[in-house]
Amino acid sequence: MPGRKPLSETELTRVYAALERGSLRDQALVTLGLHTGYRITELLSLNVGDVWDGREVRPQLKVNRARMKGGRGARRTSISSRSIPLNGTAVQALRRFLFSRYGSGPAQPTDPLFSSRFHGKRLTRWGANDIVHRVLIEAGIDDCGDLGTHTLRKTFCRKIYEKTGRDIQVTRAAMGHRHCSTTQLYLHVDEEQIRAAVLALSDSTKTSDSLFSVAR
């Protein structure tokens, strides 16, 4: 979805504040999207047993090839399963959600991880999109036309890229992309970033400018 854009740091802070006022299910869904980079359809395909070992949240989340984008079509032989570690923020969100859902009783591993509160069936993509839009509106983010469930994945991409010192290869692997060119499409660059980079050249070239003036 080329029109979707990642969240800025300021927007992320507001989103987390809005999540604290919402349901634990919504917190877990949005947090997992922001901290794993999985597509929304992949997150919605998860069962409780994929994240819970019977006693605790699993340290690693794996989505099998059949659940991945293109994993069942003609390109399925070129699609691989994707695993990613769950960091402390994701683990905490899942733990709170599952404890509130099952209490002291046993969790059912075959239950959908994210289900509708109305009919109990697996949450649909449209239902998830409504959740994300509601969170964004509550966070005071107005341009929701350019924001949706894929915004979570794009935000994850940007964060990984920045945390790795702009290592495109590591970012590509974290995203599960085959080619860096695909990953680059996710790295949204706005006019303010371009402006800041160009203005920063002034400081870095002061010495060389003075040398040039002497040479002339």
N, C-alpha and C. Protein backbone atom coordinates (compact mmCIF):
# COMPACT_ATOMS: atom_id res chain seq x y z
N MET A 1 0.84 -1.19 0.00
CA MET A 1 0.00 0.00 0.00
C MET A 1 0.88 1.25 0.00
N PRO A 2 1.25 1.75 -1.16
CA PRO A 2 2.18 2.85 -1.24
C PRO A 2 1.70 4.12 -0.57
N GLY A 3 0.37 4.32 -0.42
CA GLY A 3 -0.14 5.53 0.17
C GLY A 3 0.01 5.58 1.69
N ARG A 4 0.16 4.42 2.32
CA ARG A 4 0.31 4.38 3.77
C ARG A 4 1.67 4.92 4.17
N LYS A 5 1.75 5.56 5.32
CA LYS A 5 3.01 6.12 5.76
C LYS A 5 3.31 5.68 7.19
N PRO A 6 4.59 5.69 7.58
CA PRO A 6 4.93 5.32 8.95
C PRO A 6 4.57 6.42 9.93
N LEU A 7 4.45 6.06 11.18
CA LEU A 7 4.17 7.04 12.22
C LEU A 7 5.46 7.72 12.65
N SER A 8 5.38 9.00 12.96
CA SER A 8 6.52 9.72 13.50
C SER A 8 6.66 9.38 14.98
N GLU A 9 7.76 9.79 15.60
CA GLU A 9 7.97 9.53 17.02
C GLU A 9 6.90 10.21 17.87
N THR A 10 6.53 11.42 17.49
CA THR A 10 5.49 12.14 18.23
C THR A 10 4.15 11.41 18.11
N GLU A 11 3.84 10.95 16.91
CA GLU A 11 2.59 10.21 16.71
C GLU A 11 2.60 8.89 17.47
N LEU A 12 3.75 8.22 17.51
CA LEU A 12 3.85 6.96 18.25
C LEU A 12 3.55 7.16 19.73
N THR A 13 4.09 8.22 20.30
CA THR A 13 3.84 8.52 21.71
C THR A 13 2.35 8.70 21.96
N ARG A 14 1.69 9.39 21.07
CA ARG A 14 0.25 9.61 21.21
C ARG A 14 -0.54 8.32 21.01
N VAL A 15 -0.08 7.47 20.11
CA VAL A 15 -0.75 6.19 19.88
C VAL A 15 -0.67 5.31 21.12
N TYR A 16 0.51 5.24 21.74
CA TYR A 16 0.66 4.42 22.95
C TYR A 16 -0.22 4.94 24.08
N ALA A 17 -0.35 6.26 24.17
CA ALA A 17 -1.22 6.85 25.19
C ALA A 17 -2.68 6.48 24.92
N ALA A 18 -3.07 6.50 23.65
CA ALA A 18 -4.44 6.13 23.28
C ALA A 18 -4.70 4.66 23.55
N LEU A 19 -3.70 3.81 23.31
CA LEU A 19 -3.85 2.38 23.54
C LEU A 19 -4.11 2.07 25.00
N GLU A 20 -3.50 2.83 25.90
CA GLU A 20 -3.69 2.61 27.34
C GLU A 20 -5.14 2.83 27.75
N ARG A 21 -5.86 3.59 26.95
CA ARG A 21 -7.27 3.86 27.27
C ARG A 21 -8.20 2.86 26.60
N GLY A 22 -7.66 1.98 25.76
CA GLY A 22 -8.47 1.02 25.03
C GLY A 22 -8.43 -0.37 25.63
N SER A 23 -8.97 -1.33 24.90
CA SER A 23 -9.02 -2.71 25.38
C SER A 23 -7.65 -3.36 25.28
N LEU A 24 -7.44 -4.40 26.08
CA LEU A 24 -6.17 -5.13 26.06
C LEU A 24 -5.99 -5.87 24.74
N ARG A 25 -7.09 -6.27 24.13
CA ARG A 25 -7.00 -6.91 22.81
C ARG A 25 -6.44 -5.94 21.78
N ASP A 26 -6.99 -4.73 21.77
CA ASP A 26 -6.53 -3.73 20.81
C ASP A 26 -5.08 -3.34 21.08
N GLN A 27 -4.72 -3.24 22.35
CA GLN A 27 -3.33 -2.95 22.71
C GLN A 27 -2.40 -4.02 22.16
N ALA A 28 -2.78 -5.28 22.34
CA ALA A 28 -1.93 -6.39 21.89
C ALA A 28 -1.81 -6.40 20.37
N LEU A 29 -2.91 -6.17 19.67
CA LEU A 29 -2.90 -6.20 18.21
C LEU A 29 -2.00 -5.11 17.64
N VAL A 30 -2.20 -3.88 18.08
CA VAL A 30 -1.42 -2.76 17.55
C VAL A 30 0.04 -2.87 17.96
N THR A 31 0.29 -3.25 19.22
CA THR A 31 1.67 -3.38 19.69
C THR A 31 2.41 -4.47 18.93
N LEU A 32 1.74 -5.58 18.68
CA LEU A 32 2.38 -6.67 17.94
C LEU A 32 2.70 -6.23 16.51
N GLY A 33 1.80 -5.46 15.91
CA GLY A 33 2.07 -4.96 14.56
C GLY A 33 3.26 -4.02 14.53
N LEU A 34 3.36 -3.16 15.54
CA LEU A 34 4.45 -2.18 15.59
C LEU A 34 5.80 -2.82 15.93
N HIS A 35 5.77 -3.95 16.64
CA HIS A 35 7.02 -4.53 17.14
C HIS A 35 7.43 -5.83 16.46
N THR A 36 6.66 -6.29 15.49
CA THR A 36 7.07 -7.47 14.71
C THR A 36 7.11 -7.20 13.22
N GLY A 37 6.32 -6.22 12.76
CA GLY A 37 6.30 -5.92 11.34
C GLY A 37 5.53 -6.91 10.50
N TYR A 38 4.79 -7.82 11.14
CA TYR A 38 3.99 -8.75 10.36
C TYR A 38 2.82 -8.02 9.70
N ARG A 39 2.42 -8.51 8.54
CA ARG A 39 1.23 -7.97 7.87
C ARG A 39 0.01 -8.28 8.72
N ILE A 40 -1.03 -7.48 8.59
CA ILE A 40 -2.20 -7.65 9.43
C ILE A 40 -2.85 -9.01 9.20
N THR A 41 -2.85 -9.50 7.96
CA THR A 41 -3.45 -10.82 7.70
C THR A 41 -2.65 -11.92 8.38
N GLU A 42 -1.35 -11.74 8.51
CA GLU A 42 -0.51 -12.73 9.19
C GLU A 42 -0.77 -12.71 10.69
N LEU A 43 -0.93 -11.52 11.26
CA LEU A 43 -1.25 -11.42 12.68
C LEU A 43 -2.61 -12.02 12.99
N LEU A 44 -3.57 -11.79 12.10
CA LEU A 44 -4.92 -12.30 12.33
C LEU A 44 -5.00 -13.81 12.14
N SER A 45 -4.01 -14.40 11.49
CA SER A 45 -4.00 -15.86 11.29
C SER A 45 -3.48 -16.60 12.52
N LEU A 46 -2.93 -15.87 13.48
CA LEU A 46 -2.32 -16.50 14.66
C LEU A 46 -3.37 -17.11 15.58
N ASN A 47 -3.00 -18.24 16.17
CA ASN A 47 -3.78 -18.85 17.23
C ASN A 47 -3.07 -18.61 18.56
N VAL A 48 -3.77 -18.82 19.65
CA VAL A 48 -3.19 -18.59 20.97
C VAL A 48 -1.91 -19.40 21.16
N GLY A 49 -1.92 -20.64 20.67
CA GLY A 49 -0.75 -21.51 20.82
C GLY A 49 0.48 -21.02 20.09
N ASP A 50 0.32 -20.11 19.15
CA ASP A 50 1.47 -19.56 18.43
C ASP A 50 2.28 -18.61 19.31
N VAL A 51 1.64 -18.05 20.33
CA VAL A 51 2.33 -17.07 21.18
C VAL A 51 2.42 -17.51 22.64
N TRP A 52 1.72 -18.59 22.99
CA TRP A 52 1.64 -19.02 24.39
C TRP A 52 2.00 -20.50 24.50
N ASP A 53 2.98 -20.84 25.35
CA ASP A 53 3.42 -22.23 25.46
C ASP A 53 2.72 -23.01 26.57
N GLY A 54 1.70 -22.40 27.17
CA GLY A 54 0.97 -23.06 28.25
C GLY A 54 1.27 -22.44 29.60
N ARG A 55 2.42 -21.77 29.69
CA ARG A 55 2.80 -21.11 30.94
C ARG A 55 3.22 -19.66 30.75
N GLU A 56 3.75 -19.36 29.57
CA GLU A 56 4.30 -18.03 29.34
C GLU A 56 4.28 -17.71 27.86
N VAL A 57 4.45 -16.41 27.56
CA VAL A 57 4.53 -15.96 26.16
C VAL A 57 5.82 -16.49 25.55
N ARG A 58 5.71 -17.01 24.35
CA ARG A 58 6.89 -17.55 23.66
C ARG A 58 7.88 -16.42 23.34
N PRO A 59 9.18 -16.70 23.38
CA PRO A 59 10.18 -15.66 23.08
C PRO A 59 10.30 -15.36 21.59
N GLN A 60 9.80 -16.28 20.77
CA GLN A 60 9.93 -16.13 19.32
C GLN A 60 8.57 -16.35 18.68
N LEU A 61 8.25 -15.52 17.71
CA LEU A 61 6.99 -15.67 16.98
C LEU A 61 7.28 -16.12 15.56
N LYS A 62 6.64 -17.20 15.15
CA LYS A 62 6.85 -17.73 13.81
C LYS A 62 5.53 -17.82 13.07
N VAL A 63 5.54 -17.33 11.84
CA VAL A 63 4.39 -17.47 10.96
C VAL A 63 4.80 -18.41 9.83
N ASN A 64 4.10 -19.52 9.72
CA ASN A 64 4.44 -20.52 8.71
C ASN A 64 4.16 -20.02 7.30
N ARG A 65 4.82 -20.63 6.34
CA ARG A 65 4.73 -20.19 4.95
C ARG A 65 3.29 -20.11 4.46
N ALA A 66 2.47 -21.08 4.82
CA ALA A 66 1.08 -21.11 4.34
C ALA A 66 0.29 -19.88 4.77
N ARG A 67 0.72 -19.23 5.86
CA ARG A 67 0.02 -18.05 6.35
C ARG A 67 0.63 -16.76 5.83
N MET A 68 1.78 -16.86 5.17
CA MET A 68 2.45 -15.67 4.66
C MET A 68 1.81 -15.20 3.37
N LYS A 69 2.03 -13.94 3.03
CA LYS A 69 1.54 -13.40 1.77
C LYS A 69 2.15 -14.19 0.61
N GLY A 70 1.30 -14.76 -0.25
CA GLY A 70 1.77 -15.55 -1.38
C GLY A 70 2.15 -16.97 -1.02
N GLY A 71 1.96 -17.36 0.24
CA GLY A 71 2.38 -18.68 0.69
C GLY A 71 1.55 -19.83 0.17
N ARG A 72 0.39 -19.54 -0.43
CA ARG A 72 -0.47 -20.60 -0.96
C ARG A 72 -0.63 -20.54 -2.47
N GLY A 73 -0.07 -19.51 -3.09
CA GLY A 73 -0.25 -19.33 -4.53
C GLY A 73 0.85 -19.95 -5.36
N ALA A 74 0.93 -19.49 -6.61
CA ALA A 74 1.92 -20.03 -7.55
C ALA A 74 3.35 -19.74 -7.11
N ARG A 75 3.53 -18.67 -6.31
CA ARG A 75 4.87 -18.28 -5.85
C ARG A 75 5.25 -18.91 -4.52
N ARG A 76 4.46 -19.88 -4.05
CA ARG A 76 4.66 -20.38 -2.69
C ARG A 76 6.04 -20.99 -2.47
N THR A 77 6.65 -21.56 -3.52
CA THR A 77 7.98 -22.16 -3.36
C THR A 77 9.05 -21.11 -3.08
N SER A 78 8.78 -19.85 -3.42
CA SER A 78 9.75 -18.79 -3.18
C SER A 78 9.49 -18.06 -1.86
N ILE A 79 8.42 -18.46 -1.15
CA ILE A 79 8.06 -17.83 0.11
C ILE A 79 8.56 -18.68 1.26
N SER A 80 9.18 -18.06 2.24
CA SER A 80 9.69 -18.78 3.41
C SER A 80 8.91 -18.38 4.65
N SER A 81 8.88 -19.30 5.63
CA SER A 81 8.32 -18.95 6.93
C SER A 81 9.16 -17.82 7.53
N ARG A 82 8.56 -17.04 8.38
CA ARG A 82 9.28 -15.91 8.99
C ARG A 82 9.18 -15.97 10.49
N SER A 83 10.33 -15.87 11.15
CA SER A 83 10.37 -15.84 12.61
C SER A 83 10.98 -14.53 13.07
N ILE A 84 10.50 -14.04 14.19
CA ILE A 84 11.05 -12.80 14.74
C ILE A 84 10.93 -12.86 16.26
N PRO A 85 11.95 -12.40 16.98
CA PRO A 85 11.88 -12.42 18.45
C PRO A 85 10.85 -11.42 18.96
N LEU A 86 10.25 -11.76 20.09
CA LEU A 86 9.30 -10.85 20.72
C LEU A 86 10.04 -10.06 21.80
N ASN A 87 10.05 -8.74 21.66
CA ASN A 87 10.74 -7.91 22.65
C ASN A 87 9.85 -7.72 23.89
N GLY A 88 10.40 -7.03 24.89
CA GLY A 88 9.69 -6.87 26.15
C GLY A 88 8.35 -6.19 26.03
N THR A 89 8.26 -5.20 25.16
CA THR A 89 7.00 -4.48 24.97
C THR A 89 5.92 -5.39 24.41
N ALA A 90 6.28 -6.19 23.41
CA ALA A 90 5.32 -7.12 22.81
C ALA A 90 4.91 -8.21 23.79
N VAL A 91 5.88 -8.75 24.53
CA VAL A 91 5.60 -9.80 25.51
C VAL A 91 4.65 -9.30 26.58
N GLN A 92 4.89 -8.10 27.08
CA GLN A 92 4.04 -7.54 28.12
C GLN A 92 2.60 -7.34 27.63
N ALA A 93 2.45 -6.83 26.41
CA ALA A 93 1.11 -6.61 25.85
C ALA A 93 0.36 -7.92 25.69
N LEU A 94 1.06 -8.96 25.21
CA LEU A 94 0.43 -10.27 25.03
C LEU A 94 0.09 -10.90 26.37
N ARG A 95 1.00 -10.78 27.33
CA ARG A 95 0.76 -11.38 28.65
C ARG A 95 -0.47 -10.76 29.31
N ARG A 96 -0.56 -9.46 29.28
CA ARG A 96 -1.71 -8.78 29.89
C ARG A 96 -3.01 -9.19 29.21
N PHE A 97 -2.96 -9.27 27.89
CA PHE A 97 -4.15 -9.63 27.12
C PHE A 97 -4.60 -11.05 27.43
N LEU A 98 -3.66 -12.00 27.43
CA LEU A 98 -4.02 -13.40 27.63
C LEU A 98 -4.46 -13.68 29.06
N PHE A 99 -3.83 -13.04 30.03
CA PHE A 99 -4.26 -13.22 31.42
C PHE A 99 -5.65 -12.66 31.65
N SER A 100 -5.96 -11.54 30.99
CA SER A 100 -7.29 -10.96 31.14
C SER A 100 -8.34 -11.83 30.45
N ARG A 101 -7.92 -12.52 29.41
CA ARG A 101 -8.85 -13.34 28.63
C ARG A 101 -9.14 -14.68 29.30
N TYR A 102 -8.10 -15.31 29.84
CA TYR A 102 -8.27 -16.65 30.39
C TYR A 102 -8.19 -16.71 31.91
N GLY A 103 -7.70 -15.64 32.54
CA GLY A 103 -7.56 -15.66 33.99
C GLY A 103 -6.62 -16.76 34.43
N SER A 104 -7.02 -17.49 35.45
CA SER A 104 -6.19 -18.60 35.95
C SER A 104 -6.48 -19.91 35.24
N GLY A 105 -7.46 -19.88 34.33
CA GLY A 105 -7.80 -21.10 33.59
C GLY A 105 -6.82 -21.37 32.47
N PRO A 106 -6.87 -22.58 31.90
CA PRO A 106 -5.94 -22.92 30.81
C PRO A 106 -6.29 -22.20 29.51
N ALA A 107 -5.28 -21.71 28.84
CA ALA A 107 -5.48 -21.09 27.52
C ALA A 107 -5.73 -22.18 26.49
N GLN A 108 -6.58 -21.90 25.53
CA GLN A 108 -6.89 -22.86 24.48
C GLN A 108 -6.00 -22.57 23.27
N PRO A 109 -5.03 -23.44 22.97
CA PRO A 109 -4.05 -23.14 21.91
C PRO A 109 -4.64 -23.00 20.53
N THR A 110 -5.82 -23.60 20.28
CA THR A 110 -6.40 -23.52 18.94
C THR A 110 -7.35 -22.34 18.78
N ASP A 111 -7.58 -21.59 19.85
CA ASP A 111 -8.42 -20.39 19.74
C ASP A 111 -7.73 -19.33 18.90
N PRO A 112 -8.48 -18.58 18.10
CA PRO A 112 -7.87 -17.44 17.40
C PRO A 112 -7.28 -16.47 18.43
N LEU A 113 -6.09 -15.96 18.16
CA LEU A 113 -5.49 -15.01 19.09
C LEU A 113 -6.34 -13.74 19.18
N PHE A 114 -6.78 -13.27 18.03
CA PHE A 114 -7.59 -12.05 17.99
C PHE A 114 -8.97 -12.40 17.45
N SER A 115 -9.98 -12.25 18.28
CA SER A 115 -11.34 -12.59 17.87
C SER A 115 -12.26 -11.40 18.10
N SER A 116 -13.40 -11.45 17.41
CA SER A 116 -14.40 -10.39 17.53
C SER A 116 -15.10 -10.48 18.88
N ARG A 117 -15.37 -9.35 19.48
CA ARG A 117 -16.09 -9.33 20.75
C ARG A 117 -17.58 -9.55 20.54
N PHE A 118 -18.04 -9.50 19.28
CA PHE A 118 -19.47 -9.64 19.00
C PHE A 118 -19.87 -11.09 18.74
N HIS A 119 -19.09 -11.80 17.92
CA HIS A 119 -19.48 -13.17 17.59
C HIS A 119 -18.42 -14.20 17.98
N GLY A 120 -17.29 -13.76 18.49
CA GLY A 120 -16.27 -14.69 18.98
C GLY A 120 -15.42 -15.34 17.91
N LYS A 121 -15.73 -15.07 16.65
CA LYS A 121 -14.94 -15.66 15.56
C LYS A 121 -13.69 -14.83 15.32
N ARG A 122 -12.81 -15.38 14.49
CA ARG A 122 -11.55 -14.70 14.20
C ARG A 122 -11.80 -13.30 13.67
N LEU A 123 -11.06 -12.34 14.18
CA LEU A 123 -11.19 -10.96 13.75
C LEU A 123 -10.85 -10.84 12.27
N THR A 124 -11.64 -10.09 11.53
CA THR A 124 -11.40 -9.91 10.10
C THR A 124 -10.44 -8.75 9.86
N ARG A 125 -9.95 -8.68 8.64
CA ARG A 125 -9.07 -7.59 8.26
C ARG A 125 -9.77 -6.25 8.39
N TRP A 126 -11.05 -6.22 8.04
CA TRP A 126 -11.81 -4.98 8.12
C TRP A 126 -12.02 -4.57 9.58
N GLY A 127 -12.25 -5.56 10.42
CA GLY A 127 -12.39 -5.28 11.85
C GLY A 127 -11.10 -4.73 12.43
N ALA A 128 -9.96 -5.30 12.02
CA ALA A 128 -8.66 -4.82 12.48
C ALA A 128 -8.40 -3.41 11.99
N ASN A 129 -8.80 -3.13 10.76
CA ASN A 129 -8.61 -1.79 10.21
C ASN A 129 -9.43 -0.76 11.00
N ASP A 130 -10.64 -1.15 11.40
CA ASP A 130 -11.47 -0.26 12.22
C ASP A 130 -10.80 0.04 13.56
N ILE A 131 -10.17 -0.99 14.13
CA ILE A 131 -9.48 -0.82 15.41
C ILE A 131 -8.34 0.18 15.27
N VAL A 132 -7.52 -0.01 14.24
CA VAL A 132 -6.38 0.88 14.02
C VAL A 132 -6.84 2.31 13.78
N HIS A 133 -7.86 2.47 12.96
CA HIS A 133 -8.37 3.82 12.68
C HIS A 133 -8.91 4.47 13.95
N ARG A 134 -9.59 3.70 14.78
CA ARG A 134 -10.14 4.25 16.02
C ARG A 134 -9.01 4.70 16.95
N VAL A 135 -7.96 3.90 17.03
CA VAL A 135 -6.81 4.27 17.87
C VAL A 135 -6.16 5.55 17.36
N LEU A 136 -6.01 5.65 16.04
CA LEU A 136 -5.37 6.84 15.45
C LEU A 136 -6.21 8.09 15.69
N ILE A 137 -7.51 7.96 15.57
CA ILE A 137 -8.40 9.10 15.82
C ILE A 137 -8.31 9.53 17.28
N GLU A 138 -8.30 8.54 18.20
CA GLU A 138 -8.20 8.85 19.63
C GLU A 138 -6.84 9.46 19.96
N ALA A 139 -5.83 9.16 19.14
CA ALA A 139 -4.50 9.72 19.34
C ALA A 139 -4.39 11.12 18.75
N GLY A 140 -5.46 11.59 18.11
CA GLY A 140 -5.47 12.93 17.54
C GLY A 140 -4.73 13.04 16.23
N ILE A 141 -4.58 11.92 15.53
CA ILE A 141 -3.91 11.93 14.23
C ILE A 141 -4.99 12.12 13.17
N ASP A 142 -4.95 13.24 12.49
CA ASP A 142 -6.05 13.65 11.62
C ASP A 142 -6.02 13.01 10.23
N ASP A 143 -4.80 12.81 9.68
CA ASP A 143 -4.73 12.36 8.29
C ASP A 143 -4.85 10.86 8.18
N CYS A 144 -5.96 10.32 8.72
CA CYS A 144 -6.14 8.87 8.75
C CYS A 144 -6.34 8.28 7.36
N GLY A 145 -6.58 9.13 6.37
CA GLY A 145 -6.71 8.62 5.01
C GLY A 145 -5.42 8.00 4.51
N ASP A 146 -4.28 8.48 5.05
CA ASP A 146 -2.99 7.94 4.67
C ASP A 146 -2.46 6.94 5.68
N LEU A 147 -3.31 6.54 6.61
CA LEU A 147 -2.90 5.64 7.68
C LEU A 147 -3.85 4.47 7.77
N GLY A 148 -3.32 3.29 8.03
CA GLY A 148 -4.14 2.10 8.16
C GLY A 148 -3.33 0.99 8.80
N THR A 149 -3.81 -0.24 8.68
CA THR A 149 -3.11 -1.35 9.31
C THR A 149 -1.68 -1.51 8.78
N HIS A 150 -1.46 -1.20 7.50
CA HIS A 150 -0.12 -1.34 6.94
C HIS A 150 0.83 -0.28 7.48
N THR A 151 0.28 0.76 8.10
CA THR A 151 1.10 1.77 8.75
C THR A 151 1.94 1.14 9.85
N LEU A 152 1.39 0.13 10.53
CA LEU A 152 2.13 -0.54 11.60
C LEU A 152 3.39 -1.19 11.04
N ARG A 153 3.25 -1.86 9.92
CA ARG A 153 4.39 -2.54 9.29
C ARG A 153 5.42 -1.51 8.79
N LYS A 154 4.95 -0.42 8.21
CA LYS A 154 5.86 0.60 7.72
C LYS A 154 6.60 1.29 8.88
N THR A 155 5.91 1.45 10.00
CA THR A 155 6.56 2.06 11.16
C THR A 155 7.64 1.13 11.71
N PHE A 156 7.35 -0.16 11.76
CA PHE A 156 8.36 -1.15 12.18
C PHE A 156 9.58 -1.07 11.28
N CYS A 157 9.36 -0.97 9.98
CA CYS A 157 10.45 -0.90 9.01
C CYS A 157 11.33 0.33 9.29
N ARG A 158 10.70 1.46 9.49
CA ARG A 158 11.46 2.69 9.76
C ARG A 158 12.27 2.57 11.04
N LYS A 159 11.66 2.00 12.09
CA LYS A 159 12.34 1.88 13.38
C LYS A 159 13.55 0.96 13.29
N ILE A 160 13.39 -0.18 12.61
CA ILE A 160 14.50 -1.11 12.44
C ILE A 160 15.62 -0.46 11.65
N TYR A 161 15.26 0.24 10.59
CA TYR A 161 16.24 0.93 9.75
C TYR A 161 17.05 1.93 10.57
N GLU A 162 16.38 2.68 11.43
CA GLU A 162 17.07 3.68 12.25
C GLU A 162 17.91 3.02 13.34
N LYS A 163 17.36 1.98 13.99
CA LYS A 163 18.07 1.31 15.09
C LYS A 163 19.33 0.59 14.61
N THR A 164 19.35 0.18 13.35
CA THR A 164 20.52 -0.53 12.82
C THR A 164 21.50 0.41 12.14
N GLY A 165 21.32 1.72 12.32
CA GLY A 165 22.21 2.66 11.66
C GLY A 165 21.99 2.70 10.16
N ARG A 166 20.75 2.51 9.76
CA ARG A 166 20.34 2.53 8.35
C ARG A 166 20.97 1.39 7.55
N ASP A 167 20.95 0.22 8.15
CA ASP A 167 21.44 -0.98 7.47
C ASP A 167 20.29 -1.58 6.67
N ILE A 168 20.32 -1.42 5.38
CA ILE A 168 19.21 -1.86 4.54
C ILE A 168 19.10 -3.38 4.48
N GLN A 169 20.23 -4.09 4.58
CA GLN A 169 20.20 -5.55 4.51
C GLN A 169 19.54 -6.15 5.75
N VAL A 170 19.89 -5.64 6.92
CA VAL A 170 19.26 -6.13 8.15
C VAL A 170 17.78 -5.79 8.15
N THR A 171 17.45 -4.59 7.69
CA THR A 171 16.04 -4.17 7.63
C THR A 171 15.27 -5.06 6.67
N ARG A 172 15.86 -5.37 5.53
CA ARG A 172 15.22 -6.26 4.55
C ARG A 172 14.91 -7.61 5.18
N ALA A 173 15.90 -8.17 5.91
CA ALA A 173 15.71 -9.48 6.53
C ALA A 173 14.63 -9.42 7.61
N ALA A 174 14.62 -8.35 8.40
CA ALA A 174 13.61 -8.21 9.45
C ALA A 174 12.21 -8.10 8.88
N MET A 175 12.10 -7.50 7.71
CA MET A 175 10.80 -7.33 7.06
C MET A 175 10.35 -8.59 6.32
N GLY A 176 11.29 -9.51 6.09
CA GLY A 176 10.96 -10.71 5.33
C GLY A 176 10.89 -10.48 3.84
N HIS A 177 11.55 -9.42 3.37
CA HIS A 177 11.58 -9.12 1.93
C HIS A 177 12.70 -9.91 1.25
N ARG A 178 12.52 -10.19 -0.02
CA ARG A 178 13.56 -10.87 -0.79
C ARG A 178 14.55 -9.87 -1.37
N HIS A 179 14.08 -8.65 -1.65
CA HIS A 179 14.93 -7.67 -2.32
C HIS A 179 14.93 -6.35 -1.55
N CYS A 180 16.09 -5.71 -1.51
CA CYS A 180 16.22 -4.41 -0.84
C CYS A 180 15.35 -3.34 -1.51
N SER A 181 15.12 -3.50 -2.81
CA SER A 181 14.31 -2.51 -3.52
C SER A 181 12.89 -2.46 -2.96
N THR A 182 12.39 -3.61 -2.51
CA THR A 182 11.06 -3.63 -1.88
C THR A 182 11.09 -2.90 -0.55
N THR A 183 12.12 -3.16 0.22
CA THR A 183 12.26 -2.51 1.53
C THR A 183 12.35 -1.00 1.39
N GLN A 184 13.05 -0.54 0.37
CA GLN A 184 13.22 0.90 0.17
C GLN A 184 11.89 1.61 -0.07
N LEU A 185 10.93 0.89 -0.64
CA LEU A 185 9.61 1.47 -0.87
C LEU A 185 8.90 1.78 0.45
N TYR A 186 9.29 1.08 1.51
CA TYR A 186 8.67 1.27 2.82
C TYR A 186 9.28 2.43 3.60
N LEU A 187 10.46 2.87 3.18
CA LEU A 187 11.18 3.91 3.92
C LEU A 187 10.75 5.28 3.41
N HIS A 188 9.70 5.78 4.01
CA HIS A 188 9.10 7.05 3.61
C HIS A 188 10.04 8.21 3.93
N VAL A 189 10.32 9.02 2.93
CA VAL A 189 11.15 10.22 3.12
C VAL A 189 10.28 11.44 2.82
N ASP A 190 10.17 12.35 3.79
CA ASP A 190 9.33 13.53 3.55
C ASP A 190 10.19 14.76 3.27
N GLU A 191 9.52 15.85 2.92
CA GLU A 191 10.22 17.08 2.55
C GLU A 191 11.05 17.65 3.70
N GLU A 192 10.58 17.49 4.92
CA GLU A 192 11.31 18.02 6.07
C GLU A 192 12.64 17.30 6.27
N GLN A 193 12.65 15.98 6.03
CA GLN A 193 13.90 15.22 6.14
C GLN A 193 14.91 15.67 5.09
N ILE A 194 14.42 15.90 3.87
CA ILE A 194 15.29 16.37 2.80
C ILE A 194 15.85 17.75 3.14
N ARG A 195 14.98 18.62 3.63
CA ARG A 195 15.39 19.98 3.99
C ARG A 195 16.46 19.95 5.08
N ALA A 196 16.24 19.12 6.12
CA ALA A 196 17.20 19.04 7.23
C ALA A 196 18.55 18.51 6.76
N ALA A 197 18.52 17.53 5.85
CA ALA A 197 19.77 16.96 5.34
C ALA A 197 20.56 17.97 4.53
N VAL A 198 19.85 18.74 3.70
CA VAL A 198 20.53 19.74 2.87
C VAL A 198 21.12 20.85 3.74
N LEU A 199 20.36 21.31 4.74
CA LEU A 199 20.86 22.37 5.62
C LEU A 199 22.04 21.89 6.46
N ALA A 200 22.04 20.59 6.80
CA ALA A 200 23.14 20.03 7.60
C ALA A 200 24.46 20.05 6.84
N LEU A 201 24.39 20.08 5.51
CA LEU A 201 25.61 20.13 4.70
C LEU A 201 26.39 21.40 4.97
N SER A 202 25.70 22.46 5.37
CA SER A 202 26.36 23.74 5.62
C SER A 202 27.40 23.62 6.72
N ASP A 203 27.05 22.91 7.81
CA ASP A 203 27.99 22.74 8.92
C ASP A 203 29.16 21.85 8.53
N SER A 204 28.86 20.79 7.78
CA SER A 204 29.90 19.82 7.45
C SER A 204 30.86 20.33 6.39
N THR A 205 30.50 21.41 5.69
CA THR A 205 31.37 21.90 4.61
C THR A 205 32.04 23.23 4.93
N LYS A 206 31.92 23.70 6.19
CA LYS A 206 32.53 24.98 6.54
C LYS A 206 34.04 24.97 6.34
N THR A 207 34.68 23.87 6.78
CA THR A 207 36.13 23.79 6.66
C THR A 207 36.56 23.75 5.22
N SER A 208 35.88 22.89 4.44
CA SER A 208 36.26 22.77 3.04
C SER A 208 35.98 24.05 2.27
N ASP A 209 34.92 24.78 2.65
CA ASP A 209 34.62 26.05 1.99
C ASP A 209 35.74 27.06 2.21
N SER A 210 36.28 27.09 3.45
CA SER A 210 37.36 28.03 3.74
C SER A 210 38.62 27.67 2.98
N LEU A 211 38.86 26.38 2.82
CA LEU A 211 40.02 25.93 2.06
C LEU A 211 39.89 26.32 0.60
N PHE A 212 38.65 26.17 0.09
CA PHE A 212 38.42 26.54 -1.31
C PHE A 212 38.68 28.03 -1.52
N SER A 213 38.25 28.86 -0.56
CA SER A 213 38.42 30.30 -0.72
C SER A 213 39.90 30.68 -0.71
N VAL A 214 40.71 29.97 0.12
CA VAL A 214 42.15 30.23 0.14
C VAL A 214 42.78 29.82 -1.17
N ALA A 215 42.34 28.66 -1.68
CA ALA A 215 42.92 28.15 -2.92
C ALA A 215 42.66 29.09 -4.08
N ARG A 216 41.47 29.73 -4.03
CA ARG A 216 41.17 30.65 -5.12
C ARG A 216 42.01 31.91 -5.00
